[in-house]
N, C-alpha and C. Protein backbone atom coordinates (compact mmCIF):
# COMPACT_ATOMS: atom_id res chain seq x y z
N MET A 1 25.43 6.28 -6.10
CA MET A 1 26.10 5.38 -5.96
C MET A 1 24.95 4.81 -6.53
N SER A 2 25.65 2.96 -6.73
CA SER A 2 25.58 2.38 -8.02
C SER A 2 25.61 0.92 -7.97
N LEU A 3 24.21 0.47 -8.37
CA LEU A 3 24.33 -1.27 -7.94
C LEU A 3 25.10 -1.71 -9.36
N LYS A 4 25.69 -1.59 -9.56
CA LYS A 4 26.97 -2.23 -10.86
C LYS A 4 28.47 -2.05 -9.21
N PHE A 5 28.83 -3.36 -9.25
CA PHE A 5 29.98 -3.66 -9.01
C PHE A 5 30.91 -4.75 -9.52
N ASP A 6 32.11 -4.41 -9.60
CA ASP A 6 34.14 -4.83 -10.35
C ASP A 6 33.65 -5.93 -9.30
N ILE A 7 33.76 -6.74 -9.90
CA ILE A 7 33.58 -8.90 -8.80
C ILE A 7 34.87 -8.72 -8.42
N GLU A 8 36.18 -7.91 -9.05
CA GLU A 8 37.49 -8.00 -8.28
C GLU A 8 37.58 -7.11 -7.01
N SER A 9 36.41 -6.44 -6.73
CA SER A 9 36.49 -5.47 -5.71
C SER A 9 35.14 -6.30 -4.68
N ILE A 10 34.75 -7.35 -4.76
CA ILE A 10 34.59 -8.35 -3.53
C ILE A 10 35.20 -9.14 -3.27
N PRO A 11 35.57 -9.22 -1.63
CA PRO A 11 36.80 -10.00 -0.65
C PRO A 11 35.74 -11.47 -1.27
N GLU A 12 36.83 -11.95 -1.12
CA GLU A 12 36.88 -14.34 -1.50
C GLU A 12 36.62 -14.28 -0.68
N ASP A 13 37.77 -14.03 0.74
CA ASP A 13 37.14 -14.80 1.75
C ASP A 13 36.33 -14.08 2.73
N GLU A 14 36.00 -13.11 2.97
CA GLU A 14 34.68 -12.78 3.37
C GLU A 14 33.81 -11.50 2.89
N GLY A 15 33.48 -11.52 1.60
CA GLY A 15 32.75 -10.84 1.33
C GLY A 15 32.49 -9.30 1.07
N LEU A 16 31.38 -8.78 0.86
CA LEU A 16 31.63 -7.43 0.70
C LEU A 16 29.77 -7.09 1.16
N GLU A 17 29.68 -6.59 1.99
CA GLU A 17 28.52 -6.16 3.00
C GLU A 17 28.01 -4.45 2.61
N LEU A 18 26.39 -4.74 2.00
CA LEU A 18 25.65 -3.48 1.15
C LEU A 18 24.85 -3.02 2.56
N LEU A 19 24.52 -2.00 2.49
CA LEU A 19 24.32 -1.38 3.31
C LEU A 19 23.61 0.14 2.24
N GLN A 20 22.93 0.46 1.40
CA GLN A 20 22.58 1.36 0.61
C GLN A 20 21.65 1.76 0.05
N THR A 21 21.22 3.48 -0.33
CA THR A 21 20.32 3.39 -0.99
C THR A 21 20.29 4.08 -2.09
N GLU A 22 19.32 3.38 -3.18
CA GLU A 22 19.32 4.25 -4.81
C GLU A 22 18.51 4.93 -4.92
N LYS A 23 18.16 6.08 -5.20
CA LYS A 23 17.45 6.71 -6.71
C LYS A 23 16.70 6.20 -6.88
N LYS A 24 15.21 6.32 -7.10
CA LYS A 24 14.27 5.28 -7.50
C LYS A 24 13.89 6.00 -9.04
N SER A 25 14.46 6.49 -9.26
CA SER A 25 14.87 6.81 -10.85
C SER A 25 15.39 5.68 -11.24
N ALA A 26 16.71 5.07 -10.52
CA ALA A 26 17.52 3.99 -11.12
C ALA A 26 16.92 2.94 -12.09
N LEU A 27 15.94 2.78 -11.56
CA LEU A 27 14.49 1.68 -11.53
C LEU A 27 14.11 1.89 -12.98
N LYS A 28 13.90 2.68 -13.16
CA LYS A 28 12.71 3.41 -14.03
C LYS A 28 11.53 2.78 -14.37
N ILE A 29 10.69 2.67 -12.94
CA ILE A 29 9.76 2.09 -12.33
C ILE A 29 8.72 3.90 -12.73
N ASP A 30 8.44 4.18 -13.78
CA ASP A 30 7.28 5.65 -13.80
C ASP A 30 6.39 5.70 -15.06
N LEU A 31 5.54 4.54 -14.73
CA LEU A 31 4.82 4.51 -15.56
C LEU A 31 2.97 5.74 -14.96
N PRO A 32 2.25 6.17 -15.73
CA PRO A 32 1.19 6.65 -15.11
C PRO A 32 0.34 5.46 -14.12
N ASP A 33 0.10 4.56 -13.88
CA ASP A 33 -0.55 3.12 -13.16
C ASP A 33 0.13 2.74 -12.17
N CYS A 34 1.70 2.65 -12.46
CA CYS A 34 2.50 2.20 -11.57
C CYS A 34 3.77 3.25 -11.93
N THR A 35 4.43 3.10 -10.49
CA THR A 35 5.86 4.31 -10.12
C THR A 35 6.31 3.79 -9.25
N LEU A 36 7.23 3.80 -8.92
CA LEU A 36 7.69 3.94 -7.29
C LEU A 36 7.47 5.77 -6.53
N THR A 37 7.75 5.60 -5.73
CA THR A 37 7.60 6.90 -4.47
C THR A 37 8.46 7.49 -3.60
N GLN A 38 9.77 6.59 -3.35
CA GLN A 38 10.40 5.77 -2.56
C GLN A 38 11.92 5.56 -2.97
N ASP A 39 12.75 6.05 -2.75
CA ASP A 39 14.88 5.59 -3.09
C ASP A 39 13.89 4.21 -2.42
N ILE A 40 15.03 3.31 -3.40
CA ILE A 40 15.23 1.74 -2.71
C ILE A 40 15.85 1.56 -1.58
N GLU A 41 16.01 1.06 -0.88
CA GLU A 41 16.70 0.74 0.71
C GLU A 41 17.15 -0.17 0.37
N LEU A 42 18.61 -0.90 0.22
CA LEU A 42 19.37 -1.84 0.09
C LEU A 42 20.11 -2.47 0.30
N SER A 43 20.11 -3.49 1.51
CA SER A 43 20.96 -3.87 2.45
C SER A 43 20.80 -5.83 1.90
N GLY A 44 22.32 -5.98 2.33
CA GLY A 44 22.98 -7.64 2.55
C GLY A 44 24.52 -8.19 1.72
N ARG A 45 24.87 -8.94 1.82
CA ARG A 45 26.14 -9.04 1.28
C ARG A 45 26.55 -9.78 -0.07
N LEU A 46 27.25 -9.44 -0.50
CA LEU A 46 28.04 -10.08 -1.37
C LEU A 46 28.58 -10.61 -1.87
N THR A 47 28.95 -12.27 -2.11
CA THR A 47 29.88 -13.08 -1.82
C THR A 47 30.20 -13.76 -2.86
N ARG A 48 31.37 -14.43 -2.73
CA ARG A 48 32.51 -14.59 -4.41
C ARG A 48 33.14 -15.86 -3.58
N LEU A 49 32.83 -16.25 -5.18
CA LEU A 49 33.23 -17.94 -5.19
C LEU A 49 33.70 -18.28 -6.31
N GLY A 50 35.04 -18.36 -6.45
CA GLY A 50 35.86 -18.14 -7.93
C GLY A 50 35.26 -16.73 -8.95
N ARG A 51 34.56 -16.86 -9.95
CA ARG A 51 34.12 -16.26 -10.36
C ARG A 51 32.64 -16.61 -10.25
N ASP A 52 31.82 -16.87 -9.42
CA ASP A 52 30.25 -17.06 -9.20
C ASP A 52 30.35 -15.70 -8.15
N VAL A 53 28.88 -15.10 -8.49
CA VAL A 53 29.00 -13.95 -7.26
C VAL A 53 27.15 -14.08 -6.94
N PHE A 54 27.08 -14.37 -5.37
CA PHE A 54 25.83 -14.34 -4.79
C PHE A 54 25.40 -13.09 -3.93
N PHE A 55 24.32 -12.49 -4.19
CA PHE A 55 23.54 -11.63 -3.08
C PHE A 55 23.06 -12.48 -1.94
N LYS A 56 22.94 -11.87 -1.22
CA LYS A 56 21.92 -12.56 -0.37
C LYS A 56 21.28 -11.00 1.12
N GLY A 57 20.20 -10.38 0.17
CA GLY A 57 19.68 -8.93 0.97
C GLY A 57 18.14 -9.23 1.19
N ARG A 58 17.78 -7.97 1.54
CA ARG A 58 16.29 -7.37 1.21
C ARG A 58 16.12 -5.89 0.61
N VAL A 59 15.73 -5.72 -0.14
CA VAL A 59 14.98 -5.00 -0.48
C VAL A 59 13.96 -3.89 0.14
N ALA A 60 13.58 -2.77 0.03
CA ALA A 60 12.76 -2.14 0.44
C ALA A 60 12.28 -1.22 0.13
N CYS A 61 11.23 -0.71 -0.03
CA CYS A 61 10.28 0.59 -1.65
C CYS A 61 8.76 1.07 -0.88
N GLU A 62 8.93 1.38 -1.28
CA GLU A 62 6.90 1.83 -1.73
C GLU A 62 6.83 2.22 -3.11
N ILE A 63 5.52 1.58 -2.86
CA ILE A 63 4.65 1.85 -5.07
C ILE A 63 3.79 1.96 -5.00
N GLN A 64 3.35 3.20 -5.77
CA GLN A 64 2.64 3.40 -5.96
C GLN A 64 1.49 3.21 -7.78
N PHE A 65 0.65 2.24 -7.30
CA PHE A 65 -0.55 1.95 -8.12
C PHE A 65 -2.00 2.80 -8.11
N ALA A 66 -2.39 2.52 -9.25
CA ALA A 66 -3.33 3.03 -9.50
C ALA A 66 -4.72 1.71 -9.89
N CYS A 67 -5.70 1.99 -8.64
CA CYS A 67 -6.31 0.31 -8.19
C CYS A 67 -7.51 0.57 -9.69
N SER A 68 -7.21 -1.26 -9.79
CA SER A 68 -7.90 -1.32 -10.90
C SER A 68 -9.32 -1.10 -10.95
N ARG A 69 -10.33 -1.08 -9.65
CA ARG A 69 -11.45 -0.70 -9.91
C ARG A 69 -12.06 0.75 -9.73
N CYS A 70 -11.05 1.16 -8.99
CA CYS A 70 -11.89 2.83 -9.13
C CYS A 70 -10.62 4.10 -9.55
N LEU A 71 -10.02 2.97 -10.02
CA LEU A 71 -8.63 4.01 -10.55
C LEU A 71 -7.95 4.94 -9.68
N GLU A 72 -8.69 4.98 -8.37
CA GLU A 72 -7.97 5.81 -7.93
C GLU A 72 -6.58 5.40 -7.53
N ASN A 73 -5.27 6.09 -6.95
CA ASN A 73 -4.01 5.91 -6.72
C ASN A 73 -3.45 5.50 -5.12
N PHE A 74 -2.83 4.33 -5.10
CA PHE A 74 -3.00 4.20 -3.36
C PHE A 74 -1.07 3.69 -3.69
N LYS A 75 -0.99 3.85 -2.32
CA LYS A 75 0.14 3.40 -1.85
C LYS A 75 0.19 2.17 -1.33
N THR A 76 1.67 1.41 -1.14
CA THR A 76 2.09 0.34 -0.53
C THR A 76 2.95 -0.42 -0.36
N PRO A 77 4.19 -0.54 0.58
CA PRO A 77 5.72 -0.31 1.36
C PRO A 77 5.35 -1.77 0.55
N VAL A 78 6.79 -2.07 0.05
CA VAL A 78 7.13 -3.38 -0.34
C VAL A 78 8.73 -3.65 0.31
N LYS A 79 8.54 -4.79 1.15
CA LYS A 79 9.87 -5.24 1.67
C LYS A 79 9.45 -6.66 1.14
N THR A 80 10.64 -6.67 0.81
CA THR A 80 10.92 -8.50 -0.44
C THR A 80 12.55 -8.63 0.27
N SER A 81 12.78 -10.18 0.66
CA SER A 81 14.06 -10.46 0.88
C SER A 81 14.28 -10.72 -1.11
N LEU A 82 15.62 -10.75 -1.43
CA LEU A 82 16.38 -11.31 -2.70
C LEU A 82 17.13 -11.79 -2.58
N ASP A 83 17.22 -13.05 -3.20
CA ASP A 83 19.01 -13.98 -3.16
C ASP A 83 19.26 -14.35 -5.15
N VAL A 84 20.29 -14.37 -4.83
CA VAL A 84 20.53 -14.01 -6.97
C VAL A 84 21.92 -14.41 -6.96
N CYS A 85 21.77 -15.38 -7.91
CA CYS A 85 23.29 -15.94 -8.32
C CYS A 85 24.16 -15.25 -9.44
N PHE A 86 25.13 -14.75 -9.87
CA PHE A 86 25.77 -14.39 -11.26
C PHE A 86 26.74 -14.81 -11.49
N MET A 87 27.14 -15.52 -12.52
CA MET A 87 27.73 -16.45 -13.35
C MET A 87 28.65 -15.79 -14.50
N PRO A 88 29.13 -16.39 -14.69
CA PRO A 88 30.16 -15.31 -15.99
C PRO A 88 29.30 -15.66 -17.24
N ILE A 89 28.89 -15.19 -19.12
CA ILE A 89 28.09 -15.91 -19.42
C ILE A 89 28.93 -16.89 -20.88
N PRO A 90 28.79 -18.10 -20.71
CA PRO A 90 29.21 -18.30 -21.21
C PRO A 90 29.46 -18.58 -22.17
N GLU A 91 30.86 -18.65 -22.72
CA GLU A 91 31.22 -18.07 -23.94
C GLU A 91 30.84 -19.18 -24.95
N ASN A 92 31.34 -20.70 -24.49
CA ASN A 92 31.13 -21.40 -25.84
C ASN A 92 29.77 -22.23 -26.53
N GLU A 93 28.79 -21.87 -25.53
CA GLU A 93 27.49 -22.23 -25.30
C GLU A 93 26.35 -21.95 -26.25
N PRO A 94 25.81 -22.77 -26.83
CA PRO A 94 24.93 -22.35 -28.05
C PRO A 94 23.66 -22.15 -27.86
N GLN A 95 23.42 -20.34 -28.41
CA GLN A 95 22.72 -19.36 -27.85
C GLN A 95 20.85 -20.18 -28.18
N GLU A 96 20.86 -21.58 -28.11
CA GLU A 96 19.56 -21.95 -28.50
C GLU A 96 18.18 -22.16 -27.61
N GLU A 97 17.44 -22.59 -27.68
CA GLU A 97 16.42 -21.93 -26.49
C GLU A 97 16.67 -23.52 -26.28
N HIS A 98 15.80 -23.63 -24.59
CA HIS A 98 16.19 -24.85 -24.07
C HIS A 98 15.22 -24.41 -23.08
N GLU A 99 14.47 -25.35 -22.44
CA GLU A 99 13.77 -25.50 -21.73
C GLU A 99 14.44 -24.90 -20.10
N LEU A 100 13.61 -23.65 -19.18
CA LEU A 100 13.89 -23.41 -17.97
C LEU A 100 13.54 -24.28 -16.93
N ARG A 101 14.63 -24.15 -16.08
CA ARG A 101 14.93 -25.03 -14.42
C ARG A 101 14.35 -24.26 -13.74
N GLU A 102 13.67 -24.83 -12.36
CA GLU A 102 13.47 -23.09 -11.31
C GLU A 102 14.92 -23.01 -11.13
N SER A 103 15.59 -23.33 -10.74
CA SER A 103 16.80 -23.39 -10.30
C SER A 103 17.75 -21.98 -11.01
N ASP A 104 16.95 -21.64 -12.29
CA ASP A 104 17.80 -20.77 -13.51
C ASP A 104 16.89 -19.48 -13.52
N ILE A 105 15.73 -19.81 -12.21
CA ILE A 105 15.86 -17.83 -12.25
C ILE A 105 16.23 -17.09 -11.64
N GLU A 106 16.75 -17.27 -11.04
CA GLU A 106 17.75 -16.74 -9.68
C GLU A 106 19.05 -16.88 -10.02
N VAL A 107 19.37 -16.92 -11.21
CA VAL A 107 20.43 -17.34 -11.93
C VAL A 107 20.81 -16.16 -13.37
N GLU A 108 21.53 -15.59 -12.67
CA GLU A 108 21.79 -13.88 -13.65
C GLU A 108 23.12 -13.74 -14.09
N TYR A 109 23.55 -12.94 -15.63
CA TYR A 109 24.97 -13.37 -16.65
C TYR A 109 25.41 -12.18 -16.45
N TYR A 110 26.47 -11.88 -16.36
CA TYR A 110 27.78 -10.94 -16.24
C TYR A 110 28.54 -10.98 -17.34
N LYS A 111 28.98 -9.86 -17.94
CA LYS A 111 29.91 -9.54 -18.67
C LYS A 111 31.75 -8.22 -17.85
N GLU A 112 32.82 -9.22 -18.80
CA GLU A 112 33.20 -8.23 -18.49
C GLU A 112 33.94 -7.78 -16.92
N ASN A 113 33.85 -9.26 -16.31
CA ASN A 113 33.80 -8.93 -14.81
C ASN A 113 33.18 -8.08 -13.86
N THR A 114 31.32 -7.29 -14.00
CA THR A 114 30.71 -6.39 -13.49
C THR A 114 29.83 -6.78 -13.52
N ILE A 115 29.21 -7.11 -11.94
CA ILE A 115 27.54 -7.58 -11.91
C ILE A 115 26.70 -5.99 -11.65
N ASP A 116 25.56 -6.42 -12.28
CA ASP A 116 24.89 -5.47 -12.06
C ASP A 116 23.23 -5.78 -11.32
N LEU A 117 23.19 -4.97 -9.89
CA LEU A 117 22.07 -5.84 -9.06
C LEU A 117 20.67 -5.10 -9.63
N ALA A 118 20.43 -3.99 -10.66
CA ALA A 118 19.11 -3.51 -11.11
C ALA A 118 18.03 -4.24 -11.48
N GLN A 119 18.71 -5.27 -12.53
CA GLN A 119 17.88 -6.14 -12.73
C GLN A 119 16.73 -7.13 -11.98
N PRO A 120 17.73 -7.72 -11.34
CA PRO A 120 17.33 -8.61 -9.94
C PRO A 120 16.38 -7.81 -9.56
N VAL A 121 16.86 -6.37 -8.30
CA VAL A 121 15.70 -5.57 -7.71
C VAL A 121 14.71 -5.49 -8.66
N PHE A 122 14.85 -4.55 -9.92
CA PHE A 122 13.60 -5.06 -10.35
C PHE A 122 12.76 -6.40 -10.70
N ASP A 123 12.52 -6.84 -10.61
CA ASP A 123 12.28 -8.11 -11.18
C ASP A 123 11.24 -7.93 -9.93
N GLN A 124 12.76 -8.54 -8.32
CA GLN A 124 11.74 -8.76 -7.86
C GLN A 124 10.50 -7.84 -6.83
N ILE A 125 10.60 -6.23 -7.49
CA ILE A 125 9.91 -5.36 -6.63
C ILE A 125 8.51 -5.80 -7.16
N LEU A 126 8.84 -5.57 -8.45
CA LEU A 126 7.63 -5.96 -9.73
C LEU A 126 7.27 -7.88 -9.50
N LEU A 127 7.62 -8.42 -8.98
CA LEU A 127 6.60 -9.35 -8.49
C LEU A 127 6.38 -9.63 -7.37
N THR A 128 6.28 -9.32 -6.46
CA THR A 128 6.07 -8.88 -5.40
C THR A 128 4.38 -8.05 -5.15
N GLN A 129 4.13 -7.55 -6.58
CA GLN A 129 3.10 -7.13 -6.76
C GLN A 129 1.58 -7.72 -6.91
N PRO A 130 0.53 -7.93 -6.91
CA PRO A 130 -0.76 -8.40 -7.18
C PRO A 130 -0.52 -7.54 -8.54
N LEU A 131 -1.17 -8.72 -10.01
CA LEU A 131 -1.24 -9.09 -11.27
C LEU A 131 -2.17 -7.39 -11.19
N ILE A 132 -3.50 -7.88 -10.09
CA ILE A 132 -4.54 -6.70 -10.94
C ILE A 132 -5.11 -5.98 -9.44
N PRO A 133 -3.60 -5.06 -9.12
CA PRO A 133 -3.70 -3.83 -7.88
C PRO A 133 -5.33 -3.50 -7.64
N LEU A 134 -6.02 -3.46 -6.12
CA LEU A 134 -6.58 -3.05 -5.51
C LEU A 134 -6.27 -2.12 -4.09
N CYS A 135 -7.13 -0.53 -4.49
CA CYS A 135 -6.53 -0.17 -3.43
C CYS A 135 -6.95 -0.94 -2.03
N CYS A 136 -8.13 -1.32 -1.98
CA CYS A 136 -9.16 -2.43 -0.73
C CYS A 136 -9.41 -3.37 -1.48
N SER A 137 -9.64 -4.32 -0.23
CA SER A 137 -10.34 -5.78 -1.67
C SER A 137 -11.29 -5.91 -1.61
N ASP A 138 -12.13 -5.11 -0.89
CA ASP A 138 -13.94 -5.00 -0.87
C ASP A 138 -13.51 -3.57 -1.98
N CYS A 139 -12.74 -2.99 -2.35
CA CYS A 139 -13.11 -1.93 -3.48
C CYS A 139 -14.49 -2.12 -4.27
N LYS A 140 -15.12 -1.19 -3.95
CA LYS A 140 -16.14 -1.37 -5.05
C LYS A 140 -16.23 -0.84 -6.48
N GLY A 141 -14.73 0.11 -7.11
CA GLY A 141 -15.40 -0.11 -8.47
C GLY A 141 -15.77 1.53 -8.61
N LEU A 142 -16.43 2.22 -10.24
CA LEU A 142 -16.38 3.20 -10.71
C LEU A 142 -18.28 2.37 -11.31
N CYS A 143 -19.31 3.42 -11.01
CA CYS A 143 -20.48 2.53 -11.90
C CYS A 143 -20.17 2.59 -13.35
N SER A 144 -20.57 1.37 -14.06
CA SER A 144 -20.69 1.35 -15.40
C SER A 144 -21.96 2.23 -15.98
N GLN A 145 -22.22 3.07 -15.51
CA GLN A 145 -22.53 4.23 -16.18
C GLN A 145 -22.84 5.45 -16.14
N CYS A 146 -22.42 6.00 -14.30
CA CYS A 146 -22.12 7.79 -14.67
C CYS A 146 -20.20 7.58 -14.36
N GLY A 147 -19.96 6.61 -13.76
CA GLY A 147 -18.98 6.79 -13.79
C GLY A 147 -18.59 6.85 -12.29
N VAL A 148 -19.55 7.44 -11.14
CA VAL A 148 -19.13 7.63 -9.71
C VAL A 148 -18.26 7.09 -9.26
N ASN A 149 -17.30 6.55 -8.40
CA ASN A 149 -16.52 5.79 -7.23
C ASN A 149 -17.59 6.16 -6.22
N ARG A 150 -17.81 4.64 -6.93
CA ARG A 150 -18.46 4.14 -5.50
C ARG A 150 -18.10 4.24 -3.85
N ASN A 151 -16.58 4.39 -3.88
CA ASN A 151 -16.82 3.72 -2.71
C ASN A 151 -16.39 5.37 -1.66
N LYS A 152 -16.70 5.87 -2.84
CA LYS A 152 -17.15 7.86 -1.81
C LYS A 152 -18.02 8.06 -1.87
N ASN A 153 -19.09 7.98 -3.16
CA ASN A 153 -20.68 8.39 -3.13
C ASN A 153 -21.43 7.30 -3.56
N GLU A 154 -22.14 7.38 -3.06
CA GLU A 154 -23.85 6.44 -3.44
C GLU A 154 -24.18 6.93 -5.23
N CYS A 155 -24.64 5.81 -5.76
CA CYS A 155 -24.60 6.41 -7.45
C CYS A 155 -26.51 5.85 -6.82
N GLN A 156 -26.82 7.03 -8.53
CA GLN A 156 -28.08 6.97 -8.35
C GLN A 156 -29.14 6.12 -9.08
N CYS A 157 -27.61 5.43 -10.28
CA CYS A 157 -27.72 4.81 -11.67
C CYS A 157 -29.15 3.54 -11.44
N GLY A 158 -28.10 2.61 -10.71
CA GLY A 158 -29.51 1.16 -10.61
C GLY A 158 -30.43 1.62 -9.81
N GLU A 159 -30.64 2.85 -8.75
CA GLU A 159 -32.71 2.73 -8.78
C GLU A 159 -33.13 3.01 -9.45
N LEU A 160 -32.81 4.30 -10.31
CA LEU A 160 -33.90 5.12 -11.77
C LEU A 160 -33.25 3.84 -12.72
N SER A 161 -33.23 3.35 -12.88
CA SER A 161 -32.97 2.75 -14.16
C SER A 161 -32.79 0.80 -14.27
N GLY A 162 -33.92 -0.04 -13.20
CA GLY A 162 -33.26 -1.00 -12.82
C GLY A 162 -32.52 -1.39 -12.14
N ALA A 163 -32.39 -2.80 -12.55
CA ALA A 163 -30.71 -3.72 -12.26
C ALA A 163 -29.81 -4.21 -13.52
N GLY A 164 -29.11 -3.46 -13.56
CA GLY A 164 -27.53 -4.48 -13.74
C GLY A 164 -28.12 -4.08 -15.94
N ASP A 165 -27.10 -5.02 -16.14
CA ASP A 165 -26.96 -4.70 -17.24
C ASP A 165 -27.65 -5.57 -18.70
N PRO A 166 -28.17 -4.35 -18.90
CA PRO A 166 -29.82 -4.49 -20.47
C PRO A 166 -29.44 -6.47 -21.06
N ARG A 167 -28.45 -6.03 -22.08
CA ARG A 167 -27.97 -7.66 -21.84
C ARG A 167 -28.17 -8.71 -21.60
N PHE A 168 -28.25 -9.21 -19.80
CA PHE A 168 -28.82 -10.25 -19.40
C PHE A 168 -30.34 -10.04 -19.48
N ASP A 169 -31.00 -8.99 -20.33
CA ASP A 169 -32.80 -9.57 -19.95
C ASP A 169 -32.92 -10.62 -19.93
N VAL A 170 -32.26 -11.20 -21.61
CA VAL A 170 -32.38 -12.55 -21.71
C VAL A 170 -32.87 -13.50 -21.35
N LEU A 171 -30.96 -13.43 -20.20
CA LEU A 171 -31.44 -14.03 -19.72
C LEU A 171 -32.27 -14.59 -18.30
N GLN A 172 -32.81 -13.68 -18.00
CA GLN A 172 -33.53 -13.24 -16.62
C GLN A 172 -34.92 -13.90 -17.59
N LYS A 173 -35.33 -13.17 -18.71
CA LYS A 173 -37.11 -13.77 -18.83
C LYS A 173 -36.53 -15.72 -19.11
N LEU A 174 -35.21 -15.95 -19.90
CA LEU A 174 -35.15 -17.69 -19.40
C LEU A 174 -35.44 -18.40 -18.21
N LYS A 175 -34.78 -17.56 -17.44
CA LYS A 175 -35.11 -17.48 -15.23
C LYS A 175 -36.64 -17.70 -15.45
N ASP A 176 -37.29 -16.85 -16.11
CA ASP A 176 -38.12 -16.38 -15.16
C ASP A 176 -38.94 -17.70 -15.53
N LYS A 177 -39.53 -17.93 -17.19
CA LYS A 177 -40.09 -18.83 -18.43
C LYS A 177 -39.75 -20.41 -17.18
N ILE A 178 -38.39 -20.69 -16.62
CA ILE A 178 -38.58 -21.97 -15.32
C ILE A 178 -39.10 -22.18 -14.29
N LYS A 179 -39.02 -21.03 -14.04
CA LYS A 179 -39.68 -21.28 -12.71
C LYS A 179 -41.84 -21.20 -12.92
């Protein structure tokens, strides 16, 4: 299967119903701290109005992250909607920079009568994810001194070396003077 469609294959009156599974390798989300663990389920409808093509549907998959605090891998399901409009690339429009409107974010351009859903699906999957992925909201992270995962083991460093970062000792002394 493919996420590319010739616009002529989309009937203008009834559209084209999609229900397909795309290989996870098709989107190239494969980094050490972020990778797809399941194939992508795509469902929805492509409709065509003249040269404009609209897709309205759902995307489902599973993505694995490395937690930003404890570095443990965790998986999270992705289920999101996708609304996108494909328009032909304007031929005589100058390629100057211009300010984007909110409606421009949902517009993709195509050439040679072929639309490709891969980029909008890729974008939507990553836009649903947090900037700082956490395995759980109360993740304790790694000990800054010994490196133990504090979610799994109790760290003895804090008890042995006093409290906290020595760089803040100056502030502690100032606080003690104020009292």
